[in-house]
Protein backbone atom coordinates (compact mmCIF):
# COMPACT_ATOMS: atom_id res chain seq x y z
CA MET A 1 0.00 0.00 0.00
CA SER A 2 1.21 3.46 -0.84
CA ALA A 3 0.51 5.28 2.46
CA ALA A 4 1.41 4.48 6.03
CA VAL A 5 -1.27 2.55 7.87
CA GLU A 6 -0.99 1.85 11.57
CA THR A 7 -2.25 -1.70 12.23
CA VAL A 8 -3.83 -2.44 15.59
CA ALA A 9 -4.42 -5.99 16.78
CA PHE A 10 -6.28 -7.05 19.92
CA GLY A 11 -6.63 -10.34 21.68
CA SER A 12 -9.83 -12.16 20.78
CA GLY A 13 -12.59 -10.19 22.42
CA SER A 14 -10.36 -8.57 25.02
CA PRO A 15 -10.80 -4.84 25.49
CA PRO A 16 -7.97 -2.70 24.14
CA SER A 17 -5.76 -1.11 26.76
CA ARG A 18 -6.17 2.57 27.62
CA ALA A 19 -2.81 3.29 25.95
CA LEU A 20 -3.89 1.54 22.76
CA ARG A 21 -7.23 3.36 22.67
CA LYS A 22 -5.42 6.65 23.19
CA ARG A 23 -2.97 5.87 20.36
CA VAL A 24 -5.74 4.93 17.90
CA THR A 25 -7.77 8.02 18.82
CA SER A 26 -4.70 10.22 18.41
CA LEU A 27 -3.81 8.79 15.02
CA LEU A 28 -7.35 9.05 13.66
CA ALA A 29 -7.78 12.56 15.08
CA ALA A 30 -4.61 13.63 13.26
CA GLY A 31 -5.94 12.31 9.94
CA GLU A 32 -3.85 9.14 9.86
CA LEU A 33 -5.09 5.73 8.71
CA VAL A 34 -5.55 2.87 11.16
CA ALA A 35 -6.22 -0.80 10.38
CA LEU A 36 -8.54 -2.43 12.90
CA PRO A 37 -10.17 -5.86 13.09
CA THR A 38 -13.89 -6.35 12.55
CA GLU A 39 -15.83 -9.58 12.92
CA THR A 40 -15.03 -10.49 9.32
CA VAL A 41 -11.79 -8.85 8.12
CA TYR A 42 -9.37 -6.07 8.93
CA GLY A 43 -10.54 -2.68 7.79
CA ILE A 44 -8.66 0.56 7.17
CA PHE A 45 -10.26 3.50 8.92
CA ALA A 46 -9.99 7.26 8.49
CA ARG A 47 -11.55 10.30 10.06
CA ALA A 48 -14.59 11.14 7.91
CA ASP A 49 -14.52 14.90 8.40
CA ARG A 50 -10.89 15.38 7.33
CA PRO A 51 -10.49 15.67 3.53
CA GLU A 52 -6.80 14.73 3.66
CA ALA A 53 -7.61 11.56 5.63
CA LEU A 54 -10.23 10.53 3.07
CA GLU A 55 -7.77 11.24 0.26
CA ARG A 56 -5.18 9.01 1.97
CA LEU A 57 -7.74 6.25 2.26
CA ARG A 58 -8.75 6.64 -1.40
CA ASN A 59 -5.10 6.44 -2.44
CA VAL A 60 -4.45 3.34 -0.36
CA LYS A 61 -7.56 1.65 -1.72
CA HIS A 62 -7.08 2.93 -5.31
CA ARG A 63 -10.68 4.08 -5.06
CA PRO A 64 -12.31 6.70 -7.28
CA GLU A 65 -13.68 9.80 -5.57
CA GLU A 66 -17.27 9.04 -6.51
CA LYS A 67 -17.19 5.73 -4.61
CA VAL A 68 -17.77 6.60 -0.96
CA PHE A 69 -16.78 4.78 2.22
CA THR A 70 -18.95 3.34 4.97
CA TRP A 71 -19.42 5.12 8.29
CA HIS A 72 -18.48 2.72 11.09
CA VAL A 73 -20.15 3.34 14.43
CA GLY A 74 -19.67 1.87 17.88
CA ASP A 75 -23.28 1.96 18.98
CA ALA A 76 -26.67 1.67 17.29
CA ARG A 77 -27.70 4.98 18.88
CA ALA A 78 -25.83 6.60 15.98
CA LEU A 79 -28.98 5.96 13.94
CA ALA A 80 -30.58 8.85 15.84
CA ARG A 81 -28.42 11.17 13.71
CA PHE A 82 -30.64 10.36 10.72
CA PRO A 83 -33.67 12.67 10.91
CA HIS A 84 -36.02 10.47 8.87
CA LEU A 85 -35.06 6.89 9.65
CA TRP A 86 -37.34 4.34 8.04
CA HIS A 87 -38.97 1.82 10.32
CA SER A 88 -37.60 -1.03 8.17
CA ALA A 89 -34.02 0.26 8.62
CA ARG A 90 -34.46 0.39 12.39
CA ARG A 91 -35.83 -3.19 12.39
CA LEU A 92 -32.89 -4.44 10.30
CA ALA A 93 -30.44 -2.80 12.70
CA GLU A 94 -32.23 -4.31 15.71
CA LYS A 95 -32.09 -7.77 14.16
CA TYR A 96 -28.62 -7.80 12.53
CA TRP A 97 -26.49 -5.31 14.45
CA PRO A 98 -23.87 -5.54 15.57
CA GLY A 99 -22.67 -7.46 12.56
CA PRO A 100 -21.61 -7.32 8.92
CA LEU A 101 -24.67 -5.43 7.70
CA THR A 102 -24.25 -2.04 6.05
CA LEU A 103 -27.38 0.08 5.97
CA VAL A 104 -27.52 2.70 3.22
CA LEU A 105 -29.72 5.41 4.68
CA HIS A 106 -31.21 8.61 3.37
CA GLY A 107 -29.57 11.55 5.11
CA VAL A 108 -26.12 12.91 5.81
CA PRO A 109 -25.28 13.32 9.48
CA HIS A 110 -22.99 16.22 10.40
CA GLY A 111 -19.34 15.39 9.72
CA LEU A 112 -20.15 12.86 7.01
CA GLU A 113 -20.67 15.28 4.13
CA LEU A 114 -17.43 14.10 2.46
CA ALA A 115 -18.28 10.44 2.96
CA SER A 116 -21.82 10.42 1.56
CA ALA A 117 -23.24 10.55 -1.94
CA GLY A 118 -26.46 11.98 -3.29
CA GLY A 119 -27.95 12.45 0.18
CA TRP A 120 -27.29 8.84 1.23
CA THR A 121 -24.86 7.44 3.83
CA GLY A 122 -23.72 3.86 4.41
CA VAL A 123 -23.45 2.92 8.09
CA ARG A 124 -22.25 -0.22 9.84
CA LEU A 125 -21.84 -1.38 13.44
CA PRO A 126 -19.05 -3.99 13.68
CA ALA A 127 -19.70 -6.97 15.95
CA PHE A 128 -16.07 -7.18 17.08
CA ALA A 129 -16.52 -5.66 20.55
CA PRO A 130 -13.03 -4.11 21.00
CA THR A 131 -13.30 -2.20 17.72
CA ALA A 132 -16.89 -1.15 18.43
CA LYS A 133 -15.77 0.17 21.83
CA LEU A 134 -13.02 2.23 20.21
CA LEU A 135 -15.46 3.67 17.68
CA ALA A 136 -18.05 4.44 20.37
CA ASP A 137 -15.53 6.48 22.34
CA LEU A 138 -14.57 8.76 19.43
CA ASP A 139 -16.01 12.27 19.21
CA PHE A 140 -15.67 12.39 15.42
CA PRO A 141 -17.01 10.13 12.64
CA VAL A 142 -14.85 7.41 11.11
CA VAL A 143 -15.24 5.65 7.78
CA GLY A 144 -13.63 2.48 6.62
CA SER A 145 -13.11 -0.08 3.95
CA SER A 146 -11.70 -3.59 3.92
CA ALA A 147 -7.91 -3.59 4.11
CA ASN A 148 -7.37 -5.84 1.09
CA ARG A 149 -6.12 -4.51 -2.22
CA PRO A 150 -8.81 -4.08 -4.88
CA ALA A 151 -9.94 -7.55 -6.02
CA GLY A 152 -7.44 -9.05 -3.55
CA ALA A 153 -8.02 -11.67 -0.90
CA ALA A 154 -9.58 -10.57 2.39
CA LEU A 155 -7.04 -9.74 5.09
CA VAL A 156 -8.01 -11.51 8.29
CA ASP A 157 -4.92 -11.05 10.45
CA ALA A 158 -2.72 -8.12 11.41
CA ALA A 159 0.42 -9.62 9.88
CA ALA A 160 -1.19 -9.62 6.43
CA ILE A 161 -1.71 -5.85 6.49
């Protein structure tokens, strides 16, 4: 990959240490990229409200500007940031979150203007508890994408990043 990505690995299900949470928060706040585990693969995450962070993520992923990233949240209460949430979307979240379900919702919550398209925003709540906890503690939005190269195999361990 063409940009530096800090990779963070946790023990299976164990909460990240305070020092690790502080480091991840610091890196993301500064506009750096961080690779974190989800329940399925490692993802690369960037601060959604920092244009330079999104540009770094696009460069790493070789992704065109018109293809947006998914907002990753640490708690389903983030859905309250959508002013007109459909009942069906709420029911899907209740049934399948946390987990590998991305909801594409009408609306653009504050801070996600650069990570949305045409008035729609993709949002996901990872089931991997340590990553969800990190995301829940942030005071800024974070977007992500799988860490694999385009059309490459999924990256499921930190060493592969």
